[in-house]
Amino acid sequence: MFGASGPQGDQGKHHVLWFEEMVAALEWWSGTECTLYTDPKTYPLYGNENAIVVLNHNFEIDFLCGWTFCERFGVLGSSKVLAKKELAYVPVIGWMWYFLEIVFCKRKWEEDRTTVAESLQNLRDYPENFWFLLYCEGTRFTPKKHQISMQVAESKGLPKLKYHLLPRTKGFWITVQNLRGSAAAVYDATLNFRNNEMPTLLGLLNGKKYHADLYVRRIPLDSIPEEEAECAAWLHKLYQEKDSFQEFYMQTGRYPGPILSPPRRPWSLINWLFWSCLILYPLSLLLAQLISSGSFLIIVASLALCTAASVGVRWMIGQTEINRGSSYGNKDVPPSN
């Protein structure tokens, strides 16, 4: 879906295989395509430096597009994300994220400030190039959350946004402060899908093809103010610019700037085929033996187990759905940054 390869060390390779399964589902199973809009002068730097990636949070599969962005530049194994604590308790996915050193937060500033800072400090000694992914809006966009967010903007005298929620500035500021001198830049990434589609993870797994457009700007980290208030103002201005890019996209069907459409890399597909053969082949043999055994009880138990597994997978997919998102941002009170 995106760019060129970059170096990945052994530490990243230990867990990149898990992420590549989902990347393969996006790229190869559903055939989803993406056009990347970016400056050709900054393109060679992607994957060859540490960076903070700021993404908009409007779609159910935007996290998967972020992973694919990382994979195409060779940093999927060393990508990190600031995620809500509740995700750590989601079976399989959450447990995996916990062991992959994902930075979790409770979205309570007094509690998160120390733990997040400590996690970010650990990244400074990371042996590979890493990307730290941030959703500064704090929660996925919904009409209700947007309405409440814009009430907060009005109460604070901030310009209203049309396509984004008001960004939470404290998390961004502490990230920049702790990675200053280690990360070289902020990548401002703005995502949208053609034909006003709202893609879902379930649709993707059912093989539905989407076409994403991603606009990425590289902003040197040393150009971002160090003082908290100035950094907050800088981030608000960034989101006003992101809003203008989305408005441009809605009017023209594209983002400004040059288009890059590099080919997909085969590694996620190879990984997906390998694990599919390794797991599905013995399972199919086992299923055939169970059916041929003729035991009614064994057959019923097997069907019950398959049904339970299917329900479990569907429940995990449901955690990504917009209408099942958290209530964070739904309260009719001005939230703190």
C-alpha atoms as a PDB file:
ATOM      1  CA  MET A   1       0.000   0.000   0.000  1.00  0.00           C
ATOM      2  CA  PHE A   2       2.771   2.454   0.834  1.00  0.00           C
ATOM      3  CA  GLY A   3       6.488   3.126   0.293  1.00  0.00           C
ATOM      4  CA  ALA A   4       9.849   1.500   0.293  1.00  0.00           C
ATOM      5  CA  SER A   5      11.626  -0.868   2.623  1.00  0.00           C
ATOM      6  CA  GLY A   6      13.814   0.005   5.568  1.00  0.00           C
ATOM      7  CA  PRO A   7      16.025  -1.877   8.012  1.00  0.00           C
ATOM      8  CA  GLN A   8      14.458  -4.070  10.650  1.00  0.00           C
ATOM      9  CA  GLY A   9      16.456  -5.801  13.347  1.00  0.00           C
ATOM     10  CA  ASP A  10      15.854  -9.114  15.058  1.00  0.00           C
ATOM     11  CA  GLN A  11      13.948  -7.552  17.948  1.00  0.00           C
ATOM     12  CA  GLY A  12      11.257  -6.207  15.609  1.00  0.00           C
ATOM     13  CA  LYS A  13      11.065  -9.452  13.654  1.00  0.00           C
ATOM     14  CA  HIS A  14      10.015 -11.413  16.718  1.00  0.00           C
ATOM     15  CA  HIS A  15       6.558  -9.819  16.743  1.00  0.00           C
ATOM     16  CA  VAL A  16       6.184  -8.232  13.305  1.00  0.00           C
ATOM     17  CA  LEU A  17       4.742 -11.560  12.085  1.00  0.00           C
ATOM     18  CA  TRP A  18       1.560 -10.968  14.101  1.00  0.00           C
ATOM     19  CA  PHE A  19       0.987  -7.509  12.658  1.00  0.00           C
ATOM     20  CA  GLU A  20       1.738  -8.741   9.139  1.00  0.00           C
ATOM     21  CA  GLU A  21      -1.213 -11.131   9.357  1.00  0.00           C
ATOM     22  CA  MET A  22      -3.553  -8.131   9.550  1.00  0.00           C
ATOM     23  CA  VAL A  23      -1.601  -6.197   6.940  1.00  0.00           C
ATOM     24  CA  ALA A  24      -1.935  -9.170   4.563  1.00  0.00           C
ATOM     25  CA  ALA A  25      -5.687  -9.189   5.138  1.00  0.00           C
ATOM     26  CA  LEU A  26      -5.861  -5.553   4.061  1.00  0.00           C
ATOM     27  CA  GLU A  27      -3.508  -5.695   1.105  1.00  0.00           C
ATOM     28  CA  TRP A  28      -3.877  -9.185  -0.309  1.00  0.00           C
ATOM     29  CA  TRP A  29      -7.144 -10.661   0.959  1.00  0.00           C
ATOM     30  CA  SER A  30      -9.367  -7.639   0.364  1.00  0.00           C
ATOM     31  CA  GLY A  31      -7.116  -6.089  -2.288  1.00  0.00           C
ATOM     32  CA  THR A  32      -7.445  -2.662  -0.715  1.00  0.00           C
ATOM     33  CA  GLU A  33      -5.372  -0.053  -2.531  1.00  0.00           C
ATOM     34  CA  CYS A  34      -3.947   3.242  -1.390  1.00  0.00           C
ATOM     35  CA  THR A  35      -2.497   6.305  -2.991  1.00  0.00           C
ATOM     36  CA  LEU A  36       0.146   8.133  -1.016  1.00  0.00           C
ATOM     37  CA  TYR A  37       0.474  11.894  -1.337  1.00  0.00           C
ATOM     38  CA  THR A  38       3.765  13.238  -0.032  1.00  0.00           C
ATOM     39  CA  ASP A  39       6.780  15.376  -0.864  1.00  0.00           C
ATOM     40  CA  PRO A  40       9.285  13.400  -2.974  1.00  0.00           C
ATOM     41  CA  LYS A  41      12.113  15.205  -1.158  1.00  0.00           C
ATOM     42  CA  THR A  42      11.097  13.782   2.227  1.00  0.00           C
ATOM     43  CA  TYR A  43      10.076  10.364   0.898  1.00  0.00           C
ATOM     44  CA  PRO A  44      13.616   8.844   1.190  1.00  0.00           C
ATOM     45  CA  LEU A  45      13.668   9.685   4.910  1.00  0.00           C
ATOM     46  CA  TYR A  46      10.642   7.513   5.715  1.00  0.00           C
ATOM     47  CA  GLY A  47      11.807   4.381   7.483  1.00  0.00           C
ATOM     48  CA  ASN A  48      15.295   5.747   8.006  1.00  0.00           C
ATOM     49  CA  GLU A  49      14.645   7.934  11.036  1.00  0.00           C
ATOM     50  CA  ASN A  50      12.684   7.925  14.288  1.00  0.00           C
ATOM     51  CA  ALA A  51       9.394   9.753  14.005  1.00  0.00           C
ATOM     52  CA  ILE A  52       6.104  10.591  15.707  1.00  0.00           C
ATOM     53  CA  VAL A  53       3.132   9.876  13.417  1.00  0.00           C
ATOM     54  CA  VAL A  54      -0.024  11.935  14.033  1.00  0.00           C
ATOM     55  CA  LEU A  55      -3.094  10.307  12.453  1.00  0.00           C
ATOM     56  CA  ASN A  56      -6.751  11.265  12.221  1.00  0.00           C
ATOM     57  CA  HIS A  57      -9.181   8.857  13.900  1.00  0.00           C
ATOM     58  CA  ASN A  58     -12.282   8.639  11.704  1.00  0.00           C
ATOM     59  CA  PHE A  59     -12.456   5.043  10.475  1.00  0.00           C
ATOM     60  CA  GLU A  60     -12.743   1.550  11.909  1.00  0.00           C
ATOM     61  CA  ILE A  61      -9.632   0.371  10.076  1.00  0.00           C
ATOM     62  CA  ASP A  62      -7.490   3.498  10.363  1.00  0.00           C
ATOM     63  CA  PHE A  63      -5.235   1.664  12.833  1.00  0.00           C
ATOM     64  CA  LEU A  64      -4.681  -1.025  10.199  1.00  0.00           C
ATOM     65  CA  CYS A  65      -3.787   1.570   7.595  1.00  0.00           C
ATOM     66  CA  GLY A  66      -1.265   2.953  10.089  1.00  0.00           C
ATOM     67  CA  TRP A  67       0.290  -0.499  10.484  1.00  0.00           C
ATOM     68  CA  THR A  68       0.492  -0.894   6.723  1.00  0.00           C
ATOM     69  CA  PHE A  69       2.156   2.501   6.462  1.00  0.00           C
ATOM     70  CA  CYS A  70       4.763   1.243   8.948  1.00  0.00           C
ATOM     71  CA  GLU A  71       5.240  -2.094   7.184  1.00  0.00           C
ATOM     72  CA  ARG A  72       5.882  -0.526   3.796  1.00  0.00           C
ATOM     73  CA  PHE A  73       8.746   1.497   5.239  1.00  0.00           C
ATOM     74  CA  GLY A  74      10.205  -1.415   7.197  1.00  0.00           C
ATOM     75  CA  VAL A  75       9.324  -0.231  10.709  1.00  0.00           C
ATOM     76  CA  LEU A  76       6.269  -2.346  11.496  1.00  0.00           C
ATOM     77  CA  GLY A  77       8.233  -4.434  13.992  1.00  0.00           C
ATOM     78  CA  SER A  78       9.432  -1.340  15.831  1.00  0.00           C
ATOM     79  CA  SER A  79       6.244   0.710  15.635  1.00  0.00           C
ATOM     80  CA  LYS A  80       4.625   1.749  18.902  1.00  0.00           C
ATOM     81  CA  VAL A  81       1.278   3.317  19.667  1.00  0.00           C
ATOM     82  CA  LEU A  82      -0.341   5.181  22.553  1.00  0.00           C
ATOM     83  CA  ALA A  83      -3.516   3.157  23.198  1.00  0.00           C
ATOM     84  CA  LYS A  84      -6.324   3.208  25.727  1.00  0.00           C
ATOM     85  CA  LYS A  85      -5.840   0.861  28.688  1.00  0.00           C
ATOM     86  CA  GLU A  86      -9.081  -1.026  27.966  1.00  0.00           C
ATOM     87  CA  LEU A  87      -7.523  -2.540  24.837  1.00  0.00           C
ATOM     88  CA  ALA A  88      -4.998  -4.411  26.981  1.00  0.00           C
ATOM     89  CA  TYR A  89      -7.808  -6.647  28.230  1.00  0.00           C
ATOM     90  CA  VAL A  90      -9.175  -7.636  24.812  1.00  0.00           C
ATOM     91  CA  PRO A  91      -8.362 -11.360  24.402  1.00  0.00           C
ATOM     92  CA  VAL A  92      -5.456 -12.196  22.104  1.00  0.00           C
ATOM     93  CA  ILE A  93      -5.077  -8.737  20.519  1.00  0.00           C
ATOM     94  CA  GLY A  94      -4.772  -6.855  23.806  1.00  0.00           C
ATOM     95  CA  TRP A  95      -2.506  -9.448  25.387  1.00  0.00           C
ATOM     96  CA  MET A  96      -0.270  -9.361  22.333  1.00  0.00           C
ATOM     97  CA  TRP A  97      -0.059  -5.561  22.493  1.00  0.00           C
ATOM     98  CA  TYR A  98       0.882  -5.747  26.168  1.00  0.00           C
ATOM     99  CA  PHE A  99       3.879  -7.962  25.466  1.00  0.00           C
ATOM    100  CA  LEU A 100       4.888  -5.836  22.472  1.00  0.00           C
ATOM    101  CA  GLU A 101       5.554  -2.843  24.739  1.00  0.00           C
ATOM    102  CA  ILE A 102       2.607  -0.816  23.466  1.00  0.00           C
ATOM    103  CA  VAL A 103       2.183   2.307  25.609  1.00  0.00           C
ATOM    104  CA  PHE A 104      -1.193   2.158  27.399  1.00  0.00           C
ATOM    105  CA  CYS A 105      -2.896   5.107  29.079  1.00  0.00           C
ATOM    106  CA  LYS A 106      -5.990   5.464  31.279  1.00  0.00           C
ATOM    107  CA  ARG A 107      -6.750   8.885  29.734  1.00  0.00           C
ATOM    108  CA  LYS A 108      -6.470  10.444  33.180  1.00  0.00           C
ATOM    109  CA  TRP A 109      -3.657  12.957  32.976  1.00  0.00           C
ATOM    110  CA  GLU A 110      -2.440  12.792  36.570  1.00  0.00           C
ATOM    111  CA  GLU A 111      -2.126   8.998  36.366  1.00  0.00           C
ATOM    112  CA  ASP A 112      -0.815   8.823  32.817  1.00  0.00           C
ATOM    113  CA  ARG A 113       1.815  11.535  32.984  1.00  0.00           C
ATOM    114  CA  THR A 114       4.455   9.452  34.785  1.00  0.00           C
ATOM    115  CA  THR A 115       3.767   6.071  33.191  1.00  0.00           C
ATOM    116  CA  VAL A 116       3.653   7.446  29.647  1.00  0.00           C
ATOM    117  CA  ALA A 117       6.830   9.470  30.185  1.00  0.00           C
ATOM    118  CA  GLU A 118       8.674   6.389  31.473  1.00  0.00           C
ATOM    119  CA  SER A 119       7.565   4.325  28.480  1.00  0.00           C
ATOM    120  CA  LEU A 120       8.652   7.050  26.078  1.00  0.00           C
ATOM    121  CA  GLN A 121      12.041   7.366  27.768  1.00  0.00           C
ATOM    122  CA  ASN A 122      12.586   3.654  27.157  1.00  0.00           C
ATOM    123  CA  LEU A 123      12.106   4.277  23.442  1.00  0.00           C
ATOM    124  CA  ARG A 124      15.110   6.593  23.376  1.00  0.00           C
ATOM    125  CA  ASP A 125      17.390   3.553  23.651  1.00  0.00           C
ATOM    126  CA  TYR A 126      15.474   1.467  21.112  1.00  0.00           C
ATOM    127  CA  PRO A 127      18.015  -0.268  18.838  1.00  0.00           C
ATOM    128  CA  GLU A 128      16.054   0.267  15.603  1.00  0.00           C
ATOM    129  CA  ASN A 129      14.346   3.111  13.829  1.00  0.00           C
ATOM    130  CA  PHE A 130      10.877   3.420  15.364  1.00  0.00           C
ATOM    131  CA  TRP A 131       7.634   5.226  14.677  1.00  0.00           C
ATOM    132  CA  PHE A 132       5.385   6.262  17.540  1.00  0.00           C
ATOM    133  CA  LEU A 133       1.759   6.494  16.383  1.00  0.00           C
ATOM    134  CA  LEU A 134      -0.563   9.023  18.012  1.00  0.00           C
ATOM    135  CA  TYR A 135      -4.291   9.659  17.689  1.00  0.00           C
ATOM    136  CA  CYS A 136      -4.329  13.088  19.302  1.00  0.00           C
ATOM    137  CA  GLU A 137      -8.124  13.294  19.214  1.00  0.00           C
ATOM    138  CA  GLY A 138      -8.130  10.633  21.917  1.00  0.00           C
ATOM    139  CA  THR A 139     -11.150   8.762  20.551  1.00  0.00           C
ATOM    140  CA  ARG A 140     -12.750   7.920  17.231  1.00  0.00           C
ATOM    141  CA  PHE A 141     -14.848  10.580  15.493  1.00  0.00           C
ATOM    142  CA  THR A 142     -18.646  10.347  15.840  1.00  0.00           C
ATOM    143  CA  PRO A 143     -21.247  13.089  15.253  1.00  0.00           C
ATOM    144  CA  LYS A 144     -22.096  13.249  18.967  1.00  0.00           C
ATOM    145  CA  LYS A 145     -18.463  13.478  20.049  1.00  0.00           C
ATOM    146  CA  HIS A 146     -17.846  16.104  17.386  1.00  0.00           C
ATOM    147  CA  GLN A 147     -20.745  18.226  18.608  1.00  0.00           C
ATOM    148  CA  ILE A 148     -19.492  18.112  22.186  1.00  0.00           C
ATOM    149  CA  SER A 149     -15.908  18.722  21.103  1.00  0.00           C
ATOM    150  CA  MET A 150     -16.893  21.831  19.178  1.00  0.00           C
ATOM    151  CA  GLN A 151     -18.763  23.126  22.235  1.00  0.00           C
ATOM    152  CA  VAL A 152     -15.470  22.812  24.084  1.00  0.00           C
ATOM    153  CA  ALA A 153     -13.679  24.621  21.242  1.00  0.00           C
ATOM    154  CA  GLU A 154     -16.191  27.481  21.429  1.00  0.00           C
ATOM    155  CA  SER A 155     -15.833  27.748  25.197  1.00  0.00           C
ATOM    156  CA  LYS A 156     -12.043  27.986  24.834  1.00  0.00           C
ATOM    157  CA  GLY A 157     -12.124  30.433  21.946  1.00  0.00           C
ATOM    158  CA  LEU A 158     -10.603  27.948  19.511  1.00  0.00           C
ATOM    159  CA  PRO A 159     -11.530  27.689  15.812  1.00  0.00           C
ATOM    160  CA  LYS A 160     -14.081  24.958  15.141  1.00  0.00           C
ATOM    161  CA  LEU A 161     -13.128  21.880  13.151  1.00  0.00           C
ATOM    162  CA  LYS A 162     -15.391  20.220  10.602  1.00  0.00           C
ATOM    163  CA  TYR A 163     -13.775  16.814  10.161  1.00  0.00           C
ATOM    164  CA  HIS A 164     -11.851  16.301  13.409  1.00  0.00           C
ATOM    165  CA  LEU A 165     -12.320  16.397  17.145  1.00  0.00           C
ATOM    166  CA  LEU A 166     -10.380  18.890  19.209  1.00  0.00           C
ATOM    167  CA  PRO A 167      -6.918  17.384  19.784  1.00  0.00           C
ATOM    168  CA  ARG A 168      -5.790  16.491  23.304  1.00  0.00           C
ATOM    169  CA  THR A 169      -2.628  18.508  23.635  1.00  0.00           C
ATOM    170  CA  LYS A 170      -1.062  17.198  26.847  1.00  0.00           C
ATOM    171  CA  GLY A 171      -0.359  13.717  25.474  1.00  0.00           C
ATOM    172  CA  PHE A 172       1.220  15.204  22.367  1.00  0.00           C
ATOM    173  CA  TRP A 173       3.335  17.627  24.377  1.00  0.00           C
ATOM    174  CA  ILE A 174       4.691  14.950  26.720  1.00  0.00           C
ATOM    175  CA  THR A 175       5.459  12.722  23.726  1.00  0.00           C
ATOM    176  CA  VAL A 176       7.394  15.466  21.962  1.00  0.00           C
ATOM    177  CA  GLN A 177       9.258  16.430  25.126  1.00  0.00           C
ATOM    178  CA  ASN A 178      10.362  12.880  25.897  1.00  0.00           C
ATOM    179  CA  LEU A 179      11.342  12.017  22.330  1.00  0.00           C
ATOM    180  CA  ARG A 180      13.028  15.314  21.548  1.00  0.00           C
ATOM    181  CA  GLY A 181      16.584  14.573  20.481  1.00  0.00           C
ATOM    182  CA  SER A 182      15.620  11.003  19.563  1.00  0.00           C
ATOM    183  CA  ALA A 183      12.813  11.419  17.038  1.00  0.00           C
ATOM    184  CA  ALA A 184      13.745  13.565  14.073  1.00  0.00           C
ATOM    185  CA  ALA A 185      10.304  14.574  12.844  1.00  0.00           C
ATOM    186  CA  VAL A 186       6.537  14.517  13.155  1.00  0.00           C
ATOM    187  CA  TYR A 187       4.712  12.879  10.245  1.00  0.00           C
ATOM    188  CA  ASP A 188       1.324  14.510   9.875  1.00  0.00           C
ATOM    189  CA  ALA A 189      -0.807  11.760   8.297  1.00  0.00           C
ATOM    190  CA  THR A 190      -4.367  12.439   7.094  1.00  0.00           C
ATOM    191  CA  LEU A 191      -6.450   9.512   5.833  1.00  0.00           C
ATOM    192  CA  ASN A 192      -9.642   9.281   3.812  1.00  0.00           C
ATOM    193  CA  PHE A 193     -11.422   6.756   1.578  1.00  0.00           C
ATOM    194  CA  ARG A 194     -12.778   7.272  -1.900  1.00  0.00           C
ATOM    195  CA  ASN A 195     -16.485   7.478  -2.734  1.00  0.00           C
ATOM    196  CA  ASN A 196     -17.272   8.497   0.876  1.00  0.00           C
ATOM    197  CA  GLU A 197     -16.884   4.882   1.976  1.00  0.00           C
ATOM    198  CA  MET A 198     -16.767   4.003   5.661  1.00  0.00           C
ATOM    199  CA  PRO A 199     -14.719   0.779   5.650  1.00  0.00           C
ATOM    200  CA  THR A 200     -15.137  -1.820   8.367  1.00  0.00           C
ATOM    201  CA  LEU A 201     -12.896  -4.610   9.581  1.00  0.00           C
ATOM    202  CA  LEU A 202     -15.713  -7.093   9.006  1.00  0.00           C
ATOM    203  CA  GLY A 203     -16.096  -5.907   5.424  1.00  0.00           C
ATOM    204  CA  LEU A 204     -12.361  -6.230   4.910  1.00  0.00           C
ATOM    205  CA  LEU A 205     -12.350  -9.818   6.230  1.00  0.00           C
ATOM    206  CA  ASN A 206     -15.275 -10.563   3.924  1.00  0.00           C
ATOM    207  CA  GLY A 207     -13.033  -9.537   1.027  1.00  0.00           C
ATOM    208  CA  LYS A 208     -14.497  -6.107   0.301  1.00  0.00           C
ATOM    209  CA  LYS A 209     -12.044  -3.870  -1.540  1.00  0.00           C
ATOM    210  CA  TYR A 210     -11.521  -0.237  -0.537  1.00  0.00           C
ATOM    211  CA  HIS A 211      -9.336   2.550  -1.879  1.00  0.00           C
ATOM    212  CA  ALA A 212      -7.592   4.746   0.668  1.00  0.00           C
ATOM    213  CA  ASP A 213      -5.796   8.033   0.175  1.00  0.00           C
ATOM    214  CA  LEU A 214      -3.150   9.152   2.654  1.00  0.00           C
ATOM    215  CA  TYR A 215      -1.528  12.574   2.801  1.00  0.00           C
ATOM    216  CA  VAL A 216       1.748  12.700   4.749  1.00  0.00           C
ATOM    217  CA  ARG A 217       3.774  15.777   5.621  1.00  0.00           C
ATOM    218  CA  ARG A 218       7.163  15.656   7.351  1.00  0.00           C
ATOM    219  CA  ILE A 219       7.656  18.352  10.000  1.00  0.00           C
ATOM    220  CA  PRO A 220      11.075  18.613  11.725  1.00  0.00           C
ATOM    221  CA  LEU A 221      10.662  18.022  15.449  1.00  0.00           C
ATOM    222  CA  ASP A 222      12.959  20.907  16.355  1.00  0.00           C
ATOM    223  CA  SER A 223      10.453  23.303  14.748  1.00  0.00           C
ATOM    224  CA  ILE A 224       7.840  22.442  17.401  1.00  0.00           C
ATOM    225  CA  PRO A 225       7.815  24.757  20.467  1.00  0.00           C
ATOM    226  CA  GLU A 226       9.105  23.344  23.741  1.00  0.00           C
ATOM    227  CA  GLU A 227       6.802  25.276  26.091  1.00  0.00           C
ATOM    228  CA  GLU A 228       3.537  23.450  26.789  1.00  0.00           C
ATOM    229  CA  ALA A 229       1.204  26.335  25.934  1.00  0.00           C
ATOM    230  CA  GLU A 230       3.022  27.098  22.686  1.00  0.00           C
ATOM    231  CA  CYS A 231       3.126  23.407  21.775  1.00  0.00           C
ATOM    232  CA  ALA A 232      -0.631  23.173  22.390  1.00  0.00           C
ATOM    233  CA  ALA A 233      -1.251  26.158  20.110  1.00  0.00           C
ATOM    234  CA  TRP A 234       0.969  24.547  17.473  1.00  0.00           C
ATOM    235  CA  LEU A 235      -1.059  21.303  17.620  1.00  0.00           C
ATOM    236  CA  HIS A 236      -4.363  23.165  17.324  1.00  0.00           C
ATOM    237  CA  LYS A 237      -3.009  24.911  14.239  1.00  0.00           C
ATOM    238  CA  LEU A 238      -1.921  21.542  12.825  1.00  0.00           C
ATOM    239  CA  TYR A 239      -5.463  20.201  13.175  1.00  0.00           C
ATOM    240  CA  GLN A 240      -6.881  23.284  11.512  1.00  0.00           C
ATOM    241  CA  GLU A 241      -4.581  22.498   8.586  1.00  0.00           C
ATOM    242  CA  LYS A 242      -5.641  18.828   8.645  1.00  0.00           C
ATOM    243  CA  ASP A 243      -9.239  20.017   8.485  1.00  0.00           C
ATOM    244  CA  SER A 244      -8.467  22.128   5.427  1.00  0.00           C
ATOM    245  CA  PHE A 245      -6.844  19.108   3.758  1.00  0.00           C
ATOM    246  CA  GLN A 246      -9.993  17.062   4.384  1.00  0.00           C
ATOM    247  CA  GLU A 247     -12.136  19.865   2.980  1.00  0.00           C
ATOM    248  CA  PHE A 248      -9.918  19.950  -0.115  1.00  0.00           C
ATOM    249  CA  TYR A 249     -10.308  16.176  -0.437  1.00  0.00           C
ATOM    250  CA  MET A 250     -14.090  16.315  -0.115  1.00  0.00           C
ATOM    251  CA  GLN A 251     -14.263  18.948  -2.852  1.00  0.00           C
ATOM    252  CA  THR A 252     -11.720  17.492  -5.286  1.00  0.00           C
ATOM    253  CA  GLY A 253     -11.460  13.774  -4.450  1.00  0.00           C
ATOM    254  CA  ARG A 254      -7.731  14.025  -3.820  1.00  0.00           C
ATOM    255  CA  TYR A 255      -5.151  15.585  -1.534  1.00  0.00           C
ATOM    256  CA  PRO A 256      -2.749  18.346  -2.604  1.00  0.00           C
ATOM    257  CA  GLY A 257       0.715  17.487  -3.807  1.00  0.00           C
ATOM    258  CA  PRO A 258       2.441  14.750  -5.805  1.00  0.00           C
ATOM    259  CA  ILE A 259       1.149  11.172  -5.920  1.00  0.00           C
ATOM    260  CA  LEU A 260       3.273   8.134  -5.107  1.00  0.00           C
ATOM    261  CA  SER A 261       1.952   4.606  -5.677  1.00  0.00           C
ATOM    262  CA  PRO A 262       4.743   2.147  -4.866  1.00  0.00           C
ATOM    263  CA  PRO A 263       4.028  -1.593  -5.216  1.00  0.00           C
ATOM    264  CA  ARG A 264       3.110  -3.864  -2.336  1.00  0.00           C
ATOM    265  CA  ARG A 265       5.871  -5.869  -0.699  1.00  0.00           C
ATOM    266  CA  PRO A 266       5.386  -9.672  -0.649  1.00  0.00           C
ATOM    267  CA  TRP A 267       6.497 -10.337   2.932  1.00  0.00           C
ATOM    268  CA  SER A 268       3.106 -10.046   4.600  1.00  0.00           C
ATOM    269  CA  LEU A 269       1.587 -12.380   1.988  1.00  0.00           C
ATOM    270  CA  ILE A 270       4.379 -14.946   2.429  1.00  0.00           C
ATOM    271  CA  ASN A 271       3.933 -14.807   6.191  1.00  0.00           C
ATOM    272  CA  TRP A 272       0.156 -15.183   5.882  1.00  0.00           C
ATOM    273  CA  LEU A 273       0.441 -18.172   3.518  1.00  0.00           C
ATOM    274  CA  PHE A 274       3.027 -19.868   5.733  1.00  0.00           C
ATOM    275  CA  TRP A 275       0.936 -19.656   8.902  1.00  0.00           C
ATOM    276  CA  SER A 276      -2.260 -20.561   7.058  1.00  0.00           C
ATOM    277  CA  CYS A 277      -0.691 -23.766   5.753  1.00  0.00           C
ATOM    278  CA  LEU A 278       0.930 -24.525   9.084  1.00  0.00           C
ATOM    279  CA  ILE A 279      -2.302 -24.136  11.064  1.00  0.00           C
ATOM    280  CA  LEU A 280      -5.159 -24.900   8.667  1.00  0.00           C
ATOM    281  CA  TYR A 281      -3.749 -28.097   7.162  1.00  0.00           C
ATOM    282  CA  PRO A 282      -3.528 -30.084  10.440  1.00  0.00           C
ATOM    283  CA  LEU A 283      -6.850 -28.601  11.560  1.00  0.00           C
ATOM    284  CA  SER A 284      -8.543 -29.781   8.370  1.00  0.00           C
ATOM    285  CA  LEU A 285      -7.074 -33.260   8.870  1.00  0.00           C
ATOM    286  CA  LEU A 286      -8.336 -33.294  12.436  1.00  0.00           C
ATOM    287  CA  LEU A 287     -11.801 -32.173  11.339  1.00  0.00           C
ATOM    288  CA  ALA A 288     -11.924 -34.863   8.670  1.00  0.00           C
ATOM    289  CA  GLN A 289     -10.975 -37.522  11.227  1.00  0.00           C
ATOM    290  CA  LEU A 290     -13.630 -36.301  13.648  1.00  0.00           C
ATOM    291  CA  ILE A 291     -16.333 -36.415  10.992  1.00  0.00           C
ATOM    292  CA  SER A 292     -15.260 -39.828   9.757  1.00  0.00           C
ATOM    293  CA  SER A 293     -15.308 -41.192  13.312  1.00  0.00           C
ATOM    294  CA  GLY A 294     -19.102 -41.215  13.150  1.00  0.00           C
ATOM    295  CA  SER A 295     -19.432 -40.243  16.813  1.00  0.00           C
ATOM    296  CA  PHE A 296     -22.414 -37.919  17.176  1.00  0.00           C
ATOM    297  CA  LEU A 297     -21.080 -36.500  20.464  1.00  0.00           C
ATOM    298  CA  ILE A 298     -17.639 -35.721  19.000  1.00  0.00           C
ATOM    299  CA  ILE A 299     -19.174 -34.067  15.945  1.00  0.00           C
ATOM    300  CA  VAL A 300     -21.488 -31.903  18.082  1.00  0.00           C
ATOM    301  CA  ALA A 301     -18.601 -30.935  20.377  1.00  0.00           C
ATOM    302  CA  SER A 302     -16.452 -30.005  17.378  1.00  0.00           C
ATOM    303  CA  LEU A 303     -19.219 -27.855  15.883  1.00  0.00           C
ATOM    304  CA  ALA A 304     -19.744 -26.166  19.256  1.00  0.00           C
ATOM    305  CA  LEU A 305     -16.024 -25.406  19.494  1.00  0.00           C
ATOM    306  CA  CYS A 306     -15.952 -23.949  15.965  1.00  0.00           C
ATOM    307  CA  THR A 307     -19.036 -21.854  16.720  1.00  0.00           C
ATOM    308  CA  ALA A 308     -17.499 -20.538  19.949  1.00  0.00           C
ATOM    309  CA  ALA A 309     -14.309 -19.615  18.079  1.00  0.00           C
ATOM    310  CA  SER A 310     -16.331 -17.828  15.389  1.00  0.00           C
ATOM    311  CA  VAL A 311     -18.336 -15.894  17.993  1.00  0.00           C
ATOM    312  CA  GLY A 312     -15.114 -14.944  19.783  1.00  0.00           C
ATOM    313  CA  VAL A 313     -13.533 -13.609  16.597  1.00  0.00           C
ATOM    314  CA  ARG A 314     -16.701 -11.668  15.767  1.00  0.00           C
ATOM    315  CA  TRP A 315     -16.686 -10.157  19.265  1.00  0.00           C
ATOM    316  CA  MET A 316     -13.076  -8.992  18.850  1.00  0.00           C
ATOM    317  CA  ILE A 317     -13.944  -7.465  15.477  1.00  0.00           C
ATOM    318  CA  GLY A 318     -16.854  -5.700  17.171  1.00  0.00           C
ATOM    319  CA  GLN A 319     -14.424  -3.842  19.416  1.00  0.00           C
ATOM    320  CA  THR A 320     -13.231  -1.881  16.356  1.00  0.00           C
ATOM    321  CA  GLU A 321     -16.712  -0.787  15.249  1.00  0.00           C
ATOM    322  CA  ILE A 322     -17.476   2.903  15.539  1.00  0.00           C
ATOM    323  CA  ASN A 323     -20.874   2.346  17.167  1.00  0.00           C
ATOM    324  CA  ARG A 324     -19.156   0.154  19.773  1.00  0.00           C
ATOM    325  CA  GLY A 325     -16.466   2.695  20.565  1.00  0.00           C
ATOM    326  CA  SER A 326     -15.709   4.041  24.013  1.00  0.00           C
ATOM    327  CA  SER A 327     -17.820   6.720  25.688  1.00  0.00           C
ATOM    328  CA  TYR A 328     -14.720   8.881  25.986  1.00  0.00           C
ATOM    329  CA  GLY A 329     -15.606  12.282  24.558  1.00  0.00           C
ATOM    330  CA  ASN A 330     -19.359  11.729  24.892  1.00  0.00           C
ATOM    331  CA  LYS A 331     -19.737  13.549  28.177  1.00  0.00           C
ATOM    332  CA  ASP A 332     -21.414  16.920  28.008  1.00  0.00           C
ATOM    333  CA  VAL A 333     -18.645  18.609  29.952  1.00  0.00           C
ATOM    334  CA  PRO A 334     -15.498  20.294  28.707  1.00  0.00           C
ATOM    335  CA  PRO A 335     -12.791  17.589  28.917  1.00  0.00           C
ATOM    336  CA  SER A 336      -9.326  18.456  30.102  1.00  0.00           C
ATOM    337  CA  ASN A 337      -6.471  18.299  27.625  1.00  0.00           C
END
